[in-house]
Amino acid sequence: MIVYKVFRKNGDLKTDDLIGVLAERRRDLRGETHFESGLRWARSFFNDMIKDRQAISVVPNEFEVRE
């Protein structure tokens, strides 16, 4: 399972604000890297909350799922 921490770049304070966490369970990323897949998903998910799509960044973390 891949967990993406989604940040918004705050230009006034020069910091990144955590706006959400997205969890992806699929293993097939359709030829994209973890970063590209998470960034595309975060931009589509948080599109209504943030007007500047370029201000969104993601940090992927991969976790092992135990069943």
N, C-alpha and C. Protein backbone atom coordinates (compact mmCIF):
# COMPACT_ATOMS: atom_id res chain seq x y z
N MET A 1 0.85 -1.16 0.00
CA MET A 1 0.00 0.00 0.00
C MET A 1 0.90 1.23 0.00
N ILE A 2 0.53 2.21 -0.77
CA ILE A 2 1.29 3.45 -0.87
C ILE A 2 0.45 4.55 -0.24
N VAL A 3 1.08 5.31 0.65
CA VAL A 3 0.41 6.43 1.30
C VAL A 3 1.08 7.71 0.82
N TYR A 4 0.28 8.63 0.33
CA TYR A 4 0.79 9.91 -0.16
C TYR A 4 0.41 11.01 0.83
N LYS A 5 1.40 11.74 1.32
CA LYS A 5 1.15 12.93 2.11
C LYS A 5 1.10 14.09 1.12
N VAL A 6 0.00 14.84 1.15
CA VAL A 6 -0.21 15.90 0.17
C VAL A 6 0.02 17.25 0.87
N PHE A 7 0.89 18.06 0.29
CA PHE A 7 1.24 19.36 0.85
C PHE A 7 0.87 20.47 -0.12
N ARG A 8 0.62 21.64 0.46
CA ARG A 8 0.38 22.86 -0.32
C ARG A 8 1.53 23.80 -0.02
N LYS A 9 2.15 24.32 -1.06
CA LYS A 9 3.26 25.25 -0.88
C LYS A 9 2.70 26.62 -0.49
N ASN A 10 3.16 27.13 0.62
CA ASN A 10 2.74 28.44 1.10
C ASN A 10 3.85 29.42 0.80
N GLY A 11 3.66 30.24 -0.22
CA GLY A 11 4.69 31.15 -0.67
C GLY A 11 4.96 32.29 0.29
N ASP A 12 3.95 32.71 1.05
CA ASP A 12 4.14 33.82 1.98
C ASP A 12 5.09 33.45 3.12
N LEU A 13 4.91 32.27 3.67
CA LEU A 13 5.73 31.84 4.80
C LEU A 13 6.88 30.92 4.38
N LYS A 14 6.92 30.55 3.11
CA LYS A 14 7.93 29.65 2.56
C LYS A 14 7.95 28.32 3.30
N THR A 15 6.75 27.79 3.54
CA THR A 15 6.61 26.49 4.20
C THR A 15 5.63 25.65 3.40
N ASP A 16 5.53 24.39 3.77
CA ASP A 16 4.55 23.49 3.16
C ASP A 16 3.53 23.11 4.22
N ASP A 17 2.25 23.24 3.88
CA ASP A 17 1.16 22.89 4.78
C ASP A 17 0.57 21.56 4.38
N LEU A 18 0.42 20.65 5.33
CA LEU A 18 -0.19 19.35 5.07
C LEU A 18 -1.69 19.55 4.90
N ILE A 19 -2.22 19.13 3.73
CA ILE A 19 -3.66 19.29 3.49
C ILE A 19 -4.40 17.96 3.48
N GLY A 20 -3.68 16.85 3.39
CA GLY A 20 -4.36 15.57 3.41
C GLY A 20 -3.42 14.40 3.18
N VAL A 21 -3.99 13.21 3.38
CA VAL A 21 -3.26 11.97 3.16
C VAL A 21 -4.13 11.07 2.30
N LEU A 22 -3.56 10.53 1.23
CA LEU A 22 -4.28 9.63 0.33
C LEU A 22 -3.62 8.25 0.38
N ALA A 23 -4.43 7.21 0.46
CA ALA A 23 -3.92 5.84 0.50
C ALA A 23 -4.31 5.12 -0.78
N GLU A 24 -3.32 4.52 -1.44
CA GLU A 24 -3.55 3.82 -2.69
C GLU A 24 -3.21 2.35 -2.49
N ARG A 25 -4.14 1.48 -2.80
CA ARG A 25 -3.94 0.06 -2.57
C ARG A 25 -3.53 -0.71 -3.81
N ARG A 26 -3.78 -0.16 -4.97
CA ARG A 26 -3.46 -0.91 -6.19
C ARG A 26 -1.95 -0.98 -6.39
N ARG A 27 -1.51 -2.06 -7.00
CA ARG A 27 -0.09 -2.26 -7.22
C ARG A 27 0.34 -1.78 -8.61
N ASP A 28 -0.59 -1.76 -9.56
CA ASP A 28 -0.27 -1.36 -10.92
C ASP A 28 -0.39 0.16 -11.04
N LEU A 29 0.70 0.84 -11.32
CA LEU A 29 0.69 2.30 -11.45
C LEU A 29 0.60 2.74 -12.90
N ARG A 30 0.32 1.79 -13.80
CA ARG A 30 0.14 2.06 -15.23
C ARG A 30 1.34 2.77 -15.85
N GLY A 31 2.53 2.32 -15.51
CA GLY A 31 3.74 2.85 -16.13
C GLY A 31 4.24 4.15 -15.55
N GLU A 32 3.63 4.65 -14.49
CA GLU A 32 4.07 5.90 -13.87
C GLU A 32 4.86 5.60 -12.60
N THR A 33 5.65 6.57 -12.17
CA THR A 33 6.34 6.43 -10.90
C THR A 33 5.36 6.71 -9.76
N HIS A 34 5.78 6.41 -8.53
CA HIS A 34 4.93 6.69 -7.37
C HIS A 34 4.61 8.18 -7.28
N PHE A 35 5.61 9.00 -7.54
CA PHE A 35 5.43 10.44 -7.45
C PHE A 35 4.43 10.95 -8.50
N GLU A 36 4.57 10.52 -9.75
CA GLU A 36 3.67 10.97 -10.82
C GLU A 36 2.24 10.52 -10.56
N SER A 37 2.07 9.28 -10.13
CA SER A 37 0.74 8.75 -9.86
C SER A 37 0.07 9.50 -8.72
N GLY A 38 0.81 9.73 -7.63
CA GLY A 38 0.26 10.45 -6.49
C GLY A 38 -0.04 11.90 -6.78
N LEU A 39 0.81 12.54 -7.56
CA LEU A 39 0.60 13.95 -7.90
C LEU A 39 -0.63 14.12 -8.77
N ARG A 40 -0.83 13.24 -9.72
CA ARG A 40 -2.02 13.30 -10.57
C ARG A 40 -3.29 13.10 -9.75
N TRP A 41 -3.26 12.14 -8.85
CA TRP A 41 -4.42 11.85 -8.01
C TRP A 41 -4.70 13.00 -7.05
N ALA A 42 -3.66 13.56 -6.44
CA ALA A 42 -3.83 14.66 -5.49
C ALA A 42 -4.37 15.91 -6.18
N ARG A 43 -3.88 16.20 -7.38
CA ARG A 43 -4.37 17.37 -8.09
C ARG A 43 -5.83 17.24 -8.47
N SER A 44 -6.27 16.05 -8.83
CA SER A 44 -7.67 15.86 -9.16
C SER A 44 -8.55 15.84 -7.92
N PHE A 45 -8.04 15.31 -6.80
CA PHE A 45 -8.83 15.20 -5.57
C PHE A 45 -8.98 16.54 -4.86
N PHE A 46 -7.91 17.33 -4.79
CA PHE A 46 -7.92 18.60 -4.08
C PHE A 46 -8.08 19.79 -5.02
N ASN A 47 -8.58 19.58 -6.21
CA ASN A 47 -8.74 20.64 -7.20
C ASN A 47 -9.70 21.72 -6.73
N ASP A 48 -10.77 21.37 -6.04
CA ASP A 48 -11.75 22.37 -5.58
C ASP A 48 -11.26 23.17 -4.39
N MET A 49 -10.36 22.62 -3.60
CA MET A 49 -9.88 23.31 -2.40
C MET A 49 -8.79 24.32 -2.70
N ILE A 50 -7.96 24.03 -3.68
CA ILE A 50 -6.80 24.87 -3.98
C ILE A 50 -6.90 25.36 -5.42
N LYS A 51 -6.78 26.66 -5.60
CA LYS A 51 -6.92 27.22 -6.94
C LYS A 51 -5.67 27.05 -7.79
N ASP A 52 -4.50 27.11 -7.17
CA ASP A 52 -3.25 26.95 -7.91
C ASP A 52 -2.82 25.49 -7.88
N ARG A 53 -3.00 24.77 -8.98
CA ARG A 53 -2.67 23.34 -9.03
C ARG A 53 -1.17 23.10 -8.92
N GLN A 54 -0.36 24.08 -9.27
CA GLN A 54 1.09 23.92 -9.20
C GLN A 54 1.61 24.00 -7.77
N ALA A 55 0.78 24.43 -6.82
CA ALA A 55 1.19 24.56 -5.42
C ALA A 55 1.07 23.24 -4.67
N ILE A 56 0.59 22.19 -5.31
CA ILE A 56 0.40 20.90 -4.65
C ILE A 56 1.64 20.03 -4.88
N SER A 57 2.11 19.41 -3.79
CA SER A 57 3.22 18.46 -3.89
C SER A 57 2.88 17.24 -3.05
N VAL A 58 3.49 16.10 -3.38
CA VAL A 58 3.22 14.85 -2.66
C VAL A 58 4.53 14.21 -2.21
N VAL A 59 4.43 13.43 -1.13
CA VAL A 59 5.55 12.63 -0.64
C VAL A 59 5.04 11.21 -0.49
N PRO A 60 5.48 10.29 -1.37
CA PRO A 60 4.99 8.90 -1.28
C PRO A 60 5.76 8.10 -0.23
N ASN A 61 5.03 7.28 0.52
CA ASN A 61 5.60 6.33 1.47
C ASN A 61 4.97 4.98 1.19
N GLU A 62 5.79 3.96 1.09
CA GLU A 62 5.28 2.62 0.79
C GLU A 62 5.28 1.79 2.07
N PHE A 63 4.15 1.17 2.35
CA PHE A 63 3.99 0.32 3.52
C PHE A 63 3.65 -1.09 3.10
N GLU A 64 4.07 -2.05 3.88
CA GLU A 64 3.75 -3.45 3.61
C GLU A 64 2.45 -3.80 4.33
N VAL A 65 1.52 -4.36 3.58
CA VAL A 65 0.23 -4.74 4.14
C VAL A 65 0.30 -6.19 4.57
N ARG A 66 -0.05 -6.42 5.81
CA ARG A 66 -0.06 -7.80 6.33
C ARG A 66 -1.50 -8.25 6.48
N GLU A 67 -1.76 -9.41 5.92
CA GLU A 67 -3.13 -9.93 5.97
C GLU A 67 -3.27 -11.07 6.93
